[in-house]
Amino acid sequence: MTELDLNAITARRWVDRGDFTDGEFERARAFYARMRADDERLERVRAEASALISEWTGHKPRDVGSFGTRLNLESSDLDLGIGYPVEDRDRLREVLEPHAVFLGERQTRFSTSRLVFSFTLEGVEVDLSALTVEDFTVACRMLDQIDTTMTLEERIAHTWVKHLLRSSGRTPEYAAWKLVTYARFCPEFNWVPIPEKPGT
């Protein structure tokens, strides 16, 4: 049960401390602390995955997913991204073929796309997006802004709403909610999600 007006919040595409009663925010804070319990392990796996991707592709990845922004739910996978020249994408597929499954090409902005690959490391699914060099630069700028601007209270509130939407089976709203932070901090970046997987 929740005292939040989820319909109003999802329509507004943002939530903050002022939407919560004190009691509900304390529940949200406790939930958020539980989500952080696996941070050390995921950080270690992310470091190992990043080193492998750098070795395979010659490009240093960045965490472009919910773990990187500390908005993940339990059993999170990892979403890493690299900037890669479009004209060399065939070579990238050849390089990654022994290591990762190619999931396909996804539209990213109106005129650009990204290639998505997946592999598993220590039981954690790692999705790798190869964006255009320009899109990767935009994404990094957006993530830097989230890192420095989004408050802990906003992260707690966002993660609680995400949890409520998923646990109540509101799948379309949940999928849309996962992207509201990106849209808020970088409106020009139309981030189309990878198809749903549990726990992301």
N, C-alpha and C. Protein backbone atom coordinates (compact mmCIF):
# COMPACT_ATOMS: atom_id res chain seq x y z
N MET A 1 0.85 -1.20 0.00
CA MET A 1 0.00 0.00 0.00
C MET A 1 0.88 1.25 0.00
N THR A 2 0.36 2.30 -0.59
CA THR A 2 1.11 3.56 -0.64
C THR A 2 0.14 4.73 -0.50
N GLU A 3 0.66 5.79 0.06
CA GLU A 3 -0.11 7.03 0.15
C GLU A 3 0.18 7.95 -1.02
N LEU A 4 1.11 7.56 -1.88
CA LEU A 4 1.45 8.39 -3.03
C LEU A 4 0.37 8.32 -4.09
N ASP A 5 0.19 9.41 -4.80
CA ASP A 5 -0.70 9.45 -5.96
C ASP A 5 0.14 9.07 -7.18
N LEU A 6 0.23 7.77 -7.44
CA LEU A 6 1.10 7.30 -8.51
C LEU A 6 0.65 7.80 -9.88
N ASN A 7 -0.65 7.94 -10.08
CA ASN A 7 -1.14 8.44 -11.36
C ASN A 7 -0.64 9.85 -11.62
N ALA A 8 -0.72 10.70 -10.60
CA ALA A 8 -0.26 12.09 -10.75
C ALA A 8 1.25 12.14 -10.94
N ILE A 9 1.96 11.30 -10.20
CA ILE A 9 3.43 11.32 -10.27
C ILE A 9 3.91 10.84 -11.64
N THR A 10 3.33 9.75 -12.14
CA THR A 10 3.77 9.26 -13.45
C THR A 10 3.38 10.23 -14.56
N ALA A 11 2.26 10.91 -14.41
CA ALA A 11 1.86 11.91 -15.40
C ALA A 11 2.82 13.10 -15.39
N ARG A 12 3.27 13.48 -14.19
CA ARG A 12 4.19 14.61 -14.05
C ARG A 12 5.61 14.23 -14.44
N ARG A 13 5.91 12.93 -14.37
CA ARG A 13 7.22 12.40 -14.73
C ARG A 13 8.33 12.87 -13.79
N TRP A 14 7.97 13.02 -12.51
CA TRP A 14 8.99 13.31 -11.51
C TRP A 14 8.38 13.14 -10.13
N VAL A 15 9.23 12.91 -9.13
CA VAL A 15 8.77 12.79 -7.75
C VAL A 15 9.85 13.37 -6.86
N ASP A 16 9.46 13.97 -5.76
CA ASP A 16 10.44 14.46 -4.80
C ASP A 16 9.92 14.30 -3.39
N ARG A 17 10.70 14.74 -2.43
CA ARG A 17 10.37 14.52 -1.01
C ARG A 17 9.01 15.09 -0.63
N GLY A 18 8.64 16.19 -1.27
CA GLY A 18 7.38 16.83 -0.93
C GLY A 18 6.14 16.02 -1.24
N ASP A 19 6.28 14.98 -2.07
CA ASP A 19 5.15 14.12 -2.40
C ASP A 19 4.87 13.08 -1.30
N PHE A 20 5.78 12.95 -0.35
CA PHE A 20 5.72 11.87 0.64
C PHE A 20 5.27 12.37 2.00
N THR A 21 4.54 11.53 2.69
CA THR A 21 4.38 11.70 4.14
C THR A 21 5.70 11.27 4.80
N ASP A 22 5.89 11.66 6.04
CA ASP A 22 7.11 11.27 6.74
C ASP A 22 7.22 9.76 6.86
N GLY A 23 6.10 9.11 7.16
CA GLY A 23 6.12 7.66 7.33
C GLY A 23 6.49 6.93 6.06
N GLU A 24 5.89 7.35 4.94
CA GLU A 24 6.20 6.66 3.69
C GLU A 24 7.63 6.92 3.25
N PHE A 25 8.13 8.12 3.51
CA PHE A 25 9.51 8.39 3.10
C PHE A 25 10.49 7.55 3.92
N GLU A 26 10.19 7.29 5.17
CA GLU A 26 11.05 6.42 5.96
C GLU A 26 11.03 4.99 5.42
N ARG A 27 9.87 4.53 4.95
CA ARG A 27 9.81 3.21 4.30
C ARG A 27 10.63 3.21 3.02
N ALA A 28 10.53 4.30 2.28
CA ALA A 28 11.30 4.42 1.04
C ALA A 28 12.80 4.45 1.33
N ARG A 29 13.19 5.16 2.39
CA ARG A 29 14.61 5.24 2.75
C ARG A 29 15.15 3.86 3.14
N ALA A 30 14.36 3.12 3.92
CA ALA A 30 14.78 1.78 4.34
C ALA A 30 14.90 0.85 3.12
N PHE A 31 13.96 0.96 2.19
CA PHE A 31 14.01 0.15 0.97
C PHE A 31 15.26 0.49 0.17
N TYR A 32 15.55 1.77 0.04
CA TYR A 32 16.71 2.21 -0.73
C TYR A 32 18.00 1.66 -0.11
N ALA A 33 18.07 1.66 1.21
CA ALA A 33 19.26 1.11 1.88
C ALA A 33 19.43 -0.36 1.55
N ARG A 34 18.33 -1.10 1.46
CA ARG A 34 18.43 -2.52 1.10
C ARG A 34 18.93 -2.68 -0.34
N MET A 35 18.54 -1.78 -1.22
CA MET A 35 18.99 -1.86 -2.61
C MET A 35 20.50 -1.59 -2.73
N ARG A 36 21.05 -0.88 -1.76
CA ARG A 36 22.46 -0.55 -1.81
C ARG A 36 23.34 -1.67 -1.24
N ALA A 37 22.72 -2.70 -0.68
CA ALA A 37 23.48 -3.76 0.00
C ALA A 37 24.39 -4.52 -0.96
N ASP A 38 24.06 -4.54 -2.25
CA ASP A 38 24.83 -5.32 -3.23
C ASP A 38 25.80 -4.45 -4.02
N ASP A 39 25.97 -3.20 -3.60
CA ASP A 39 26.79 -2.27 -4.38
C ASP A 39 28.23 -2.75 -4.55
N GLU A 40 28.82 -3.24 -3.49
CA GLU A 40 30.24 -3.63 -3.55
C GLU A 40 30.46 -4.73 -4.57
N ARG A 41 29.60 -5.74 -4.56
CA ARG A 41 29.75 -6.83 -5.53
C ARG A 41 29.55 -6.34 -6.95
N LEU A 42 28.50 -5.53 -7.17
CA LEU A 42 28.24 -5.04 -8.52
C LEU A 42 29.35 -4.11 -9.00
N GLU A 43 29.91 -3.33 -8.11
CA GLU A 43 31.02 -2.46 -8.50
C GLU A 43 32.23 -3.29 -8.94
N ARG A 44 32.47 -4.39 -8.24
CA ARG A 44 33.59 -5.26 -8.60
C ARG A 44 33.34 -5.91 -9.96
N VAL A 45 32.11 -6.42 -10.19
CA VAL A 45 31.79 -7.04 -11.47
C VAL A 45 31.86 -5.99 -12.58
N ARG A 46 31.37 -4.79 -12.30
CA ARG A 46 31.42 -3.73 -13.31
C ARG A 46 32.86 -3.40 -13.69
N ALA A 47 33.75 -3.35 -12.72
CA ALA A 47 35.16 -3.07 -13.01
C ALA A 47 35.75 -4.17 -13.89
N GLU A 48 35.42 -5.42 -13.58
CA GLU A 48 35.93 -6.53 -14.39
C GLU A 48 35.35 -6.48 -15.80
N ALA A 49 34.04 -6.21 -15.91
CA ALA A 49 33.40 -6.13 -17.23
C ALA A 49 33.98 -4.98 -18.04
N SER A 50 34.21 -3.85 -17.40
CA SER A 50 34.76 -2.69 -18.09
C SER A 50 36.15 -2.98 -18.63
N ALA A 51 36.96 -3.69 -17.84
CA ALA A 51 38.30 -4.05 -18.29
C ALA A 51 38.24 -4.98 -19.50
N LEU A 52 37.32 -5.94 -19.47
CA LEU A 52 37.18 -6.84 -20.61
C LEU A 52 36.73 -6.10 -21.86
N ILE A 53 35.74 -5.23 -21.71
CA ILE A 53 35.23 -4.48 -22.86
C ILE A 53 36.33 -3.60 -23.44
N SER A 54 37.11 -2.96 -22.58
CA SER A 54 38.22 -2.13 -23.06
C SER A 54 39.23 -2.97 -23.84
N GLU A 55 39.49 -4.17 -23.33
CA GLU A 55 40.43 -5.07 -23.99
C GLU A 55 39.89 -5.52 -25.34
N TRP A 56 38.60 -5.87 -25.40
CA TRP A 56 38.00 -6.37 -26.63
C TRP A 56 37.86 -5.28 -27.70
N THR A 57 37.43 -4.09 -27.28
CA THR A 57 37.03 -3.06 -28.25
C THR A 57 38.01 -1.91 -28.38
N GLY A 58 38.90 -1.75 -27.41
CA GLY A 58 39.79 -0.59 -27.41
C GLY A 58 39.11 0.69 -26.95
N HIS A 59 37.89 0.57 -26.42
CA HIS A 59 37.13 1.75 -25.95
C HIS A 59 36.72 1.55 -24.51
N LYS A 60 36.91 2.57 -23.70
CA LYS A 60 36.57 2.49 -22.28
C LYS A 60 35.08 2.72 -22.09
N PRO A 61 34.37 1.79 -21.45
CA PRO A 61 32.92 1.95 -21.28
C PRO A 61 32.57 2.82 -20.08
N ARG A 62 31.31 3.21 -20.06
CA ARG A 62 30.75 3.93 -18.92
C ARG A 62 29.43 3.27 -18.54
N ASP A 63 29.13 3.26 -17.25
CA ASP A 63 27.86 2.72 -16.79
C ASP A 63 26.76 3.70 -17.19
N VAL A 64 25.87 3.26 -18.08
CA VAL A 64 24.78 4.12 -18.56
C VAL A 64 23.42 3.66 -18.03
N GLY A 65 23.45 2.75 -17.05
CA GLY A 65 22.21 2.18 -16.55
C GLY A 65 21.85 2.62 -15.15
N SER A 66 20.88 1.93 -14.57
CA SER A 66 20.34 2.34 -13.27
C SER A 66 21.31 2.11 -12.13
N PHE A 67 22.23 1.15 -12.26
CA PHE A 67 23.21 0.99 -11.19
C PHE A 67 24.16 2.18 -11.15
N GLY A 68 24.53 2.68 -12.30
CA GLY A 68 25.43 3.83 -12.35
C GLY A 68 24.83 5.07 -11.73
N THR A 69 23.53 5.22 -11.84
CA THR A 69 22.85 6.38 -11.25
C THR A 69 22.32 6.09 -9.86
N ARG A 70 22.54 4.87 -9.36
CA ARG A 70 22.07 4.42 -8.05
C ARG A 70 20.54 4.49 -7.95
N LEU A 71 19.90 4.01 -9.02
CA LEU A 71 18.44 3.95 -9.06
C LEU A 71 17.95 2.53 -9.33
N ASN A 72 18.83 1.56 -9.12
CA ASN A 72 18.51 0.18 -9.46
C ASN A 72 17.70 -0.50 -8.36
N LEU A 73 16.96 -1.52 -8.77
CA LEU A 73 16.29 -2.40 -7.84
C LEU A 73 17.17 -3.63 -7.60
N GLU A 74 16.70 -4.56 -6.80
CA GLU A 74 17.50 -5.73 -6.48
C GLU A 74 17.76 -6.56 -7.72
N SER A 75 18.81 -7.39 -7.64
CA SER A 75 19.18 -8.30 -8.73
C SER A 75 19.40 -7.55 -10.03
N SER A 76 20.03 -6.41 -9.91
CA SER A 76 20.23 -5.57 -11.09
C SER A 76 21.23 -6.20 -12.05
N ASP A 77 21.01 -5.96 -13.34
CA ASP A 77 22.04 -6.23 -14.32
C ASP A 77 22.88 -4.96 -14.45
N LEU A 78 23.83 -4.98 -15.38
CA LEU A 78 24.66 -3.81 -15.63
C LEU A 78 24.47 -3.38 -17.08
N ASP A 79 24.38 -2.08 -17.28
CA ASP A 79 24.25 -1.51 -18.63
C ASP A 79 25.44 -0.59 -18.86
N LEU A 80 26.34 -1.02 -19.73
CA LEU A 80 27.52 -0.23 -20.04
C LEU A 80 27.44 0.28 -21.47
N GLY A 81 28.09 1.39 -21.73
CA GLY A 81 28.06 1.97 -23.07
C GLY A 81 29.44 2.41 -23.51
N ILE A 82 29.65 2.37 -24.81
CA ILE A 82 30.87 2.92 -25.41
C ILE A 82 30.48 3.78 -26.60
N GLY A 83 31.35 4.71 -26.94
CA GLY A 83 31.21 5.42 -28.20
C GLY A 83 32.03 4.72 -29.26
N TYR A 84 31.42 4.46 -30.41
CA TYR A 84 32.11 3.68 -31.43
C TYR A 84 31.73 4.21 -32.81
N PRO A 85 32.70 4.38 -33.70
CA PRO A 85 32.38 4.92 -35.03
C PRO A 85 31.38 4.03 -35.78
N VAL A 86 30.38 4.65 -36.35
CA VAL A 86 29.34 3.90 -37.07
C VAL A 86 29.93 3.10 -38.22
N GLU A 87 30.91 3.68 -38.90
CA GLU A 87 31.46 3.01 -40.08
C GLU A 87 32.25 1.74 -39.72
N ASP A 88 32.58 1.57 -38.44
CA ASP A 88 33.33 0.39 -38.01
C ASP A 88 32.47 -0.64 -37.28
N ARG A 89 31.17 -0.52 -37.36
CA ARG A 89 30.31 -1.41 -36.56
C ARG A 89 30.41 -2.88 -36.97
N ASP A 90 30.64 -3.13 -38.25
CA ASP A 90 30.81 -4.53 -38.67
C ASP A 90 32.03 -5.14 -37.99
N ARG A 91 33.07 -4.37 -37.90
CA ARG A 91 34.28 -4.84 -37.21
C ARG A 91 33.99 -5.08 -35.73
N LEU A 92 33.22 -4.20 -35.12
CA LEU A 92 32.89 -4.38 -33.71
C LEU A 92 32.14 -5.69 -33.49
N ARG A 93 31.20 -5.99 -34.36
CA ARG A 93 30.45 -7.25 -34.22
C ARG A 93 31.39 -8.44 -34.34
N GLU A 94 32.36 -8.37 -35.24
CA GLU A 94 33.32 -9.46 -35.38
C GLU A 94 34.17 -9.60 -34.12
N VAL A 95 34.59 -8.48 -33.57
CA VAL A 95 35.45 -8.49 -32.39
C VAL A 95 34.71 -9.08 -31.19
N LEU A 96 33.42 -8.74 -31.06
CA LEU A 96 32.66 -9.16 -29.88
C LEU A 96 32.01 -10.54 -30.04
N GLU A 97 31.98 -11.07 -31.25
CA GLU A 97 31.27 -12.33 -31.49
C GLU A 97 31.72 -13.46 -30.57
N PRO A 98 33.03 -13.60 -30.26
CA PRO A 98 33.42 -14.71 -29.37
C PRO A 98 33.04 -14.49 -27.91
N HIS A 99 32.65 -13.26 -27.56
CA HIS A 99 32.49 -12.91 -26.16
C HIS A 99 31.06 -12.56 -25.75
N ALA A 100 30.26 -12.09 -26.68
CA ALA A 100 28.95 -11.55 -26.33
C ALA A 100 27.92 -11.88 -27.40
N VAL A 101 26.66 -11.95 -26.98
CA VAL A 101 25.55 -12.20 -27.90
C VAL A 101 25.07 -10.85 -28.45
N PHE A 102 24.89 -10.79 -29.75
CA PHE A 102 24.37 -9.57 -30.37
C PHE A 102 22.85 -9.56 -30.23
N LEU A 103 22.33 -8.54 -29.55
CA LEU A 103 20.88 -8.45 -29.31
C LEU A 103 20.15 -7.65 -30.38
N GLY A 104 20.90 -6.90 -31.18
CA GLY A 104 20.25 -6.15 -32.26
C GLY A 104 20.59 -4.68 -32.24
N GLU A 105 19.96 -3.98 -33.14
CA GLU A 105 20.16 -2.52 -33.27
C GLU A 105 18.92 -1.82 -32.74
N ARG A 106 19.13 -0.81 -31.92
CA ARG A 106 18.03 -0.06 -31.30
C ARG A 106 18.11 1.40 -31.74
N GLN A 107 16.96 1.97 -32.01
CA GLN A 107 16.93 3.42 -32.26
C GLN A 107 17.26 4.15 -30.96
N THR A 108 18.06 5.18 -31.07
CA THR A 108 18.47 5.95 -29.90
C THR A 108 17.92 7.37 -29.98
N ARG A 109 18.26 8.07 -31.05
CA ARG A 109 17.65 9.36 -31.31
C ARG A 109 16.97 9.26 -32.67
N PHE A 110 16.43 10.35 -33.14
CA PHE A 110 15.65 10.28 -34.37
C PHE A 110 16.47 9.78 -35.55
N SER A 111 17.75 10.10 -35.58
CA SER A 111 18.55 9.73 -36.74
C SER A 111 19.70 8.80 -36.40
N THR A 112 19.77 8.32 -35.17
CA THR A 112 20.89 7.47 -34.78
C THR A 112 20.39 6.19 -34.12
N SER A 113 21.30 5.25 -33.98
CA SER A 113 20.98 3.98 -33.35
C SER A 113 22.18 3.50 -32.55
N ARG A 114 21.98 2.43 -31.81
CA ARG A 114 23.07 1.80 -31.06
C ARG A 114 22.98 0.29 -31.28
N LEU A 115 24.11 -0.36 -31.23
CA LEU A 115 24.15 -1.82 -31.25
C LEU A 115 24.19 -2.30 -29.81
N VAL A 116 23.46 -3.37 -29.52
CA VAL A 116 23.38 -3.88 -28.15
C VAL A 116 23.88 -5.32 -28.11
N PHE A 117 24.78 -5.57 -27.18
CA PHE A 117 25.36 -6.89 -26.97
C PHE A 117 25.14 -7.29 -25.51
N SER A 118 25.25 -8.58 -25.23
CA SER A 118 25.05 -9.04 -23.87
C SER A 118 25.99 -10.20 -23.56
N PHE A 119 26.51 -10.20 -22.33
CA PHE A 119 27.28 -11.34 -21.84
C PHE A 119 27.07 -11.43 -20.33
N THR A 120 27.43 -12.56 -19.76
CA THR A 120 27.25 -12.78 -18.33
C THR A 120 28.60 -12.92 -17.66
N LEU A 121 28.76 -12.24 -16.53
CA LEU A 121 30.01 -12.28 -15.78
C LEU A 121 29.67 -12.48 -14.31
N GLU A 122 30.15 -13.57 -13.74
CA GLU A 122 29.90 -13.89 -12.33
C GLU A 122 28.41 -13.84 -11.99
N GLY A 123 27.60 -14.35 -12.90
CA GLY A 123 26.17 -14.42 -12.67
C GLY A 123 25.42 -13.13 -12.91
N VAL A 124 26.10 -12.09 -13.35
CA VAL A 124 25.47 -10.80 -13.61
C VAL A 124 25.39 -10.59 -15.12
N GLU A 125 24.20 -10.27 -15.62
CA GLU A 125 24.06 -9.97 -17.04
C GLU A 125 24.58 -8.58 -17.32
N VAL A 126 25.44 -8.47 -18.30
CA VAL A 126 26.03 -7.20 -18.70
C VAL A 126 25.57 -6.88 -20.12
N ASP A 127 24.85 -5.78 -20.26
CA ASP A 127 24.45 -5.31 -21.59
C ASP A 127 25.39 -4.19 -22.01
N LEU A 128 25.90 -4.30 -23.22
CA LEU A 128 26.82 -3.30 -23.76
C LEU A 128 26.16 -2.62 -24.95
N SER A 129 26.02 -1.30 -24.87
CA SER A 129 25.50 -0.51 -25.97
C SER A 129 26.64 0.21 -26.66
N ALA A 130 26.74 0.02 -27.98
CA ALA A 130 27.71 0.76 -28.77
C ALA A 130 26.97 1.92 -29.43
N LEU A 131 27.14 3.11 -28.86
CA LEU A 131 26.48 4.30 -29.38
C LEU A 131 27.38 4.99 -30.39
N THR A 132 26.79 5.92 -31.14
CA THR A 132 27.64 6.77 -31.96
C THR A 132 28.54 7.58 -31.02
N VAL A 133 29.65 8.04 -31.53
CA VAL A 133 30.58 8.81 -30.71
C VAL A 133 29.89 10.06 -30.16
N GLU A 134 29.09 10.71 -30.99
CA GLU A 134 28.39 11.91 -30.55
C GLU A 134 27.37 11.58 -29.45
N ASP A 135 26.59 10.51 -29.65
CA ASP A 135 25.60 10.13 -28.64
C ASP A 135 26.26 9.75 -27.32
N PHE A 136 27.40 9.09 -27.40
CA PHE A 136 28.10 8.72 -26.17
C PHE A 136 28.57 9.96 -25.42
N THR A 137 29.03 10.96 -26.14
CA THR A 137 29.44 12.21 -25.51
C THR A 137 28.26 12.87 -24.82
N VAL A 138 27.10 12.89 -25.50
CA VAL A 138 25.88 13.46 -24.90
C VAL A 138 25.48 12.66 -23.66
N ALA A 139 25.52 11.34 -23.75
CA ALA A 139 25.14 10.50 -22.63
C ALA A 139 26.06 10.73 -21.43
N CYS A 140 27.35 10.85 -21.67
CA CYS A 140 28.28 11.09 -20.57
C CYS A 140 28.02 12.44 -19.91
N ARG A 141 27.72 13.44 -20.73
CA ARG A 141 27.39 14.76 -20.16
C ARG A 141 26.13 14.67 -19.30
N MET A 142 25.14 13.93 -19.77
CA MET A 142 23.91 13.74 -19.02
C MET A 142 24.19 13.02 -17.70
N LEU A 143 24.99 11.97 -17.75
CA LEU A 143 25.28 11.20 -16.54
C LEU A 143 26.08 12.02 -15.54
N ASP A 144 26.99 12.84 -16.04
CA ASP A 144 27.74 13.74 -15.15
C ASP A 144 26.78 14.68 -14.43
N GLN A 145 25.79 15.19 -15.16
CA GLN A 145 24.83 16.10 -14.55
C GLN A 145 23.97 15.39 -13.51
N ILE A 146 23.55 14.17 -13.80
CA ILE A 146 22.79 13.40 -12.82
C ILE A 146 23.63 13.17 -11.57
N ASP A 147 24.90 12.80 -11.77
CA ASP A 147 25.79 12.53 -10.64
C ASP A 147 25.89 13.73 -9.71
N THR A 148 26.00 14.91 -10.28
CA THR A 148 26.26 16.10 -9.47
C THR A 148 25.00 16.83 -9.03
N THR A 149 23.86 16.56 -9.68
CA THR A 149 22.66 17.37 -9.45
C THR A 149 21.57 16.61 -8.70
N MET A 150 21.39 15.35 -8.98
CA MET A 150 20.29 14.61 -8.36
C MET A 150 20.61 14.33 -6.90
N THR A 151 19.72 14.71 -6.02
CA THR A 151 19.97 14.57 -4.59
C THR A 151 19.67 13.15 -4.11
N LEU A 152 20.19 12.82 -2.93
CA LEU A 152 19.91 11.52 -2.35
C LEU A 152 18.41 11.35 -2.12
N GLU A 153 17.74 12.38 -1.64
CA GLU A 153 16.29 12.28 -1.42
C GLU A 153 15.56 12.01 -2.73
N GLU A 154 15.99 12.63 -3.82
CA GLU A 154 15.36 12.37 -5.11
C GLU A 154 15.61 10.94 -5.56
N ARG A 155 16.79 10.43 -5.31
CA ARG A 155 17.10 9.04 -5.68
C ARG A 155 16.24 8.07 -4.88
N ILE A 156 16.09 8.33 -3.60
CA ILE A 156 15.25 7.49 -2.75
C ILE A 156 13.81 7.51 -3.26
N ALA A 157 13.30 8.71 -3.53
CA ALA A 157 11.91 8.86 -3.98
C ALA A 157 11.70 8.17 -5.32
N HIS A 158 12.62 8.38 -6.24
CA HIS A 158 12.50 7.78 -7.58
C HIS A 158 12.50 6.25 -7.49
N THR A 159 13.42 5.70 -6.71
CA THR A 159 13.55 4.25 -6.60
C THR A 159 12.31 3.64 -5.95
N TRP A 160 11.73 4.33 -4.98
CA TRP A 160 10.52 3.83 -4.31
C TRP A 160 9.35 3.78 -5.30
N VAL A 161 9.19 4.82 -6.11
CA VAL A 161 8.12 4.81 -7.11
C VAL A 161 8.35 3.69 -8.12
N LYS A 162 9.58 3.52 -8.53
CA LYS A 162 9.94 2.44 -9.45
C LYS A 162 9.54 1.08 -8.86
N HIS A 163 9.87 0.88 -7.60
CA HIS A 163 9.50 -0.35 -6.90
C HIS A 163 7.98 -0.53 -6.84
N LEU A 164 7.27 0.52 -6.50
CA LEU A 164 5.81 0.43 -6.39
C LEU A 164 5.17 0.08 -7.73
N LEU A 165 5.64 0.70 -8.80
CA LEU A 165 5.08 0.43 -10.12
C LEU A 165 5.35 -1.01 -10.54
N ARG A 166 6.56 -1.48 -10.30
CA ARG A 166 6.88 -2.85 -10.70
C ARG A 166 6.11 -3.87 -9.87
N SER A 167 6.07 -3.66 -8.55
CA SER A 167 5.44 -4.64 -7.67
C SER A 167 3.93 -4.67 -7.84
N SER A 168 3.34 -3.59 -8.36
CA SER A 168 1.89 -3.58 -8.59
C SER A 168 1.52 -3.99 -10.01
N GLY A 169 2.52 -4.41 -10.80
CA GLY A 169 2.26 -4.91 -12.14
C GLY A 169 1.93 -3.84 -13.17
N ARG A 170 2.29 -2.60 -12.88
CA ARG A 170 2.02 -1.51 -13.83
C ARG A 170 3.18 -1.40 -14.82
N THR A 171 3.27 -2.41 -15.67
CA THR A 171 4.45 -2.57 -16.52
C THR A 171 4.71 -1.39 -17.46
N PRO A 172 3.72 -0.87 -18.18
CA PRO A 172 4.02 0.27 -19.07
C PRO A 172 4.52 1.49 -18.30
N GLU A 173 3.88 1.77 -17.15
CA GLU A 173 4.32 2.93 -16.36
C GLU A 173 5.72 2.69 -15.79
N TYR A 174 5.98 1.44 -15.39
CA TYR A 174 7.31 1.09 -14.87
C TYR A 174 8.38 1.29 -15.95
N ALA A 175 8.12 0.81 -17.16
CA ALA A 175 9.09 0.97 -18.25
C ALA A 175 9.35 2.44 -18.54
N ALA A 176 8.29 3.24 -18.54
CA ALA A 176 8.44 4.68 -18.80
C ALA A 176 9.17 5.36 -17.64
N TRP A 177 8.87 4.94 -16.42
CA TRP A 177 9.47 5.58 -15.24
C TRP A 177 10.98 5.38 -15.21
N LYS A 178 11.45 4.25 -15.70
CA LYS A 178 12.89 3.99 -15.70
C LYS A 178 13.66 5.03 -16.52
N LEU A 179 12.97 5.73 -17.41
CA LEU A 179 13.64 6.68 -18.29
C LEU A 179 13.44 8.14 -17.90
N VAL A 180 12.64 8.40 -16.86
CA VAL A 180 12.31 9.81 -16.59
C VAL A 180 13.52 10.61 -16.14
N THR A 181 14.46 9.99 -15.44
CA THR A 181 15.65 10.73 -15.00
C THR A 181 16.47 11.17 -16.20
N TYR A 182 16.64 10.27 -17.17
CA TYR A 182 17.39 10.64 -18.37
C TYR A 182 16.69 11.79 -19.09
N ALA A 183 15.38 11.70 -19.22
CA ALA A 183 14.62 12.74 -19.92
C ALA A 183 14.70 14.07 -19.20
N ARG A 184 14.72 14.04 -17.87
CA ARG A 184 14.77 15.28 -17.10
C ARG A 184 16.10 15.99 -17.27
N PHE A 185 17.18 15.23 -17.25
CA PHE A 185 18.50 15.83 -17.28
C PHE A 185 19.07 15.96 -18.69
N CYS A 186 18.43 15.32 -19.65
CA CYS A 186 18.91 15.42 -21.04
C CYS A 186 17.73 15.24 -21.98
N PRO A 187 16.88 16.26 -22.12
CA PRO A 187 15.64 16.10 -22.89
C PRO A 187 15.86 15.70 -24.35
N GLU A 188 17.03 16.07 -24.92
CA GLU A 188 17.21 15.78 -26.35
C GLU A 188 17.62 14.34 -26.61
N PHE A 189 17.89 13.58 -25.56
CA PHE A 189 18.36 12.21 -25.75
C PHE A 189 17.20 11.24 -25.59
N ASN A 190 16.74 10.68 -26.68
CA ASN A 190 15.59 9.77 -26.67
C ASN A 190 16.10 8.35 -26.44
N TRP A 191 16.21 7.97 -25.17
CA TRP A 191 16.80 6.68 -24.82
C TRP A 191 15.75 5.59 -24.89
N VAL A 192 15.82 4.75 -25.91
CA VAL A 192 14.86 3.66 -26.08
C VAL A 192 15.38 2.44 -25.34
N PRO A 193 14.60 1.88 -24.41
CA PRO A 193 15.13 0.82 -23.56
C PRO A 193 15.29 -0.51 -24.27
N ILE A 194 16.18 -1.33 -23.72
CA ILE A 194 16.28 -2.74 -24.10
C ILE A 194 15.02 -3.42 -23.57
N PRO A 195 14.46 -4.41 -24.27
CA PRO A 195 13.26 -5.09 -23.80
C PRO A 195 13.39 -5.55 -22.35
N GLU A 196 12.23 -5.56 -21.67
CA GLU A 196 12.18 -5.77 -20.24
C GLU A 196 12.83 -7.08 -19.80
N LYS A 197 13.58 -6.98 -18.70
CA LYS A 197 14.11 -8.14 -18.00
C LYS A 197 13.81 -7.95 -16.53
N PRO A 198 13.54 -8.99 -15.78
CA PRO A 198 13.21 -8.84 -14.36
C PRO A 198 14.36 -8.19 -13.60
N GLY A 199 14.00 -7.34 -12.65
CA GLY A 199 14.98 -6.83 -11.70
C GLY A 199 15.78 -5.66 -12.17
N THR A 200 15.46 -5.06 -13.32
CA THR A 200 16.26 -3.97 -13.83
C THR A 200 15.68 -2.64 -13.43
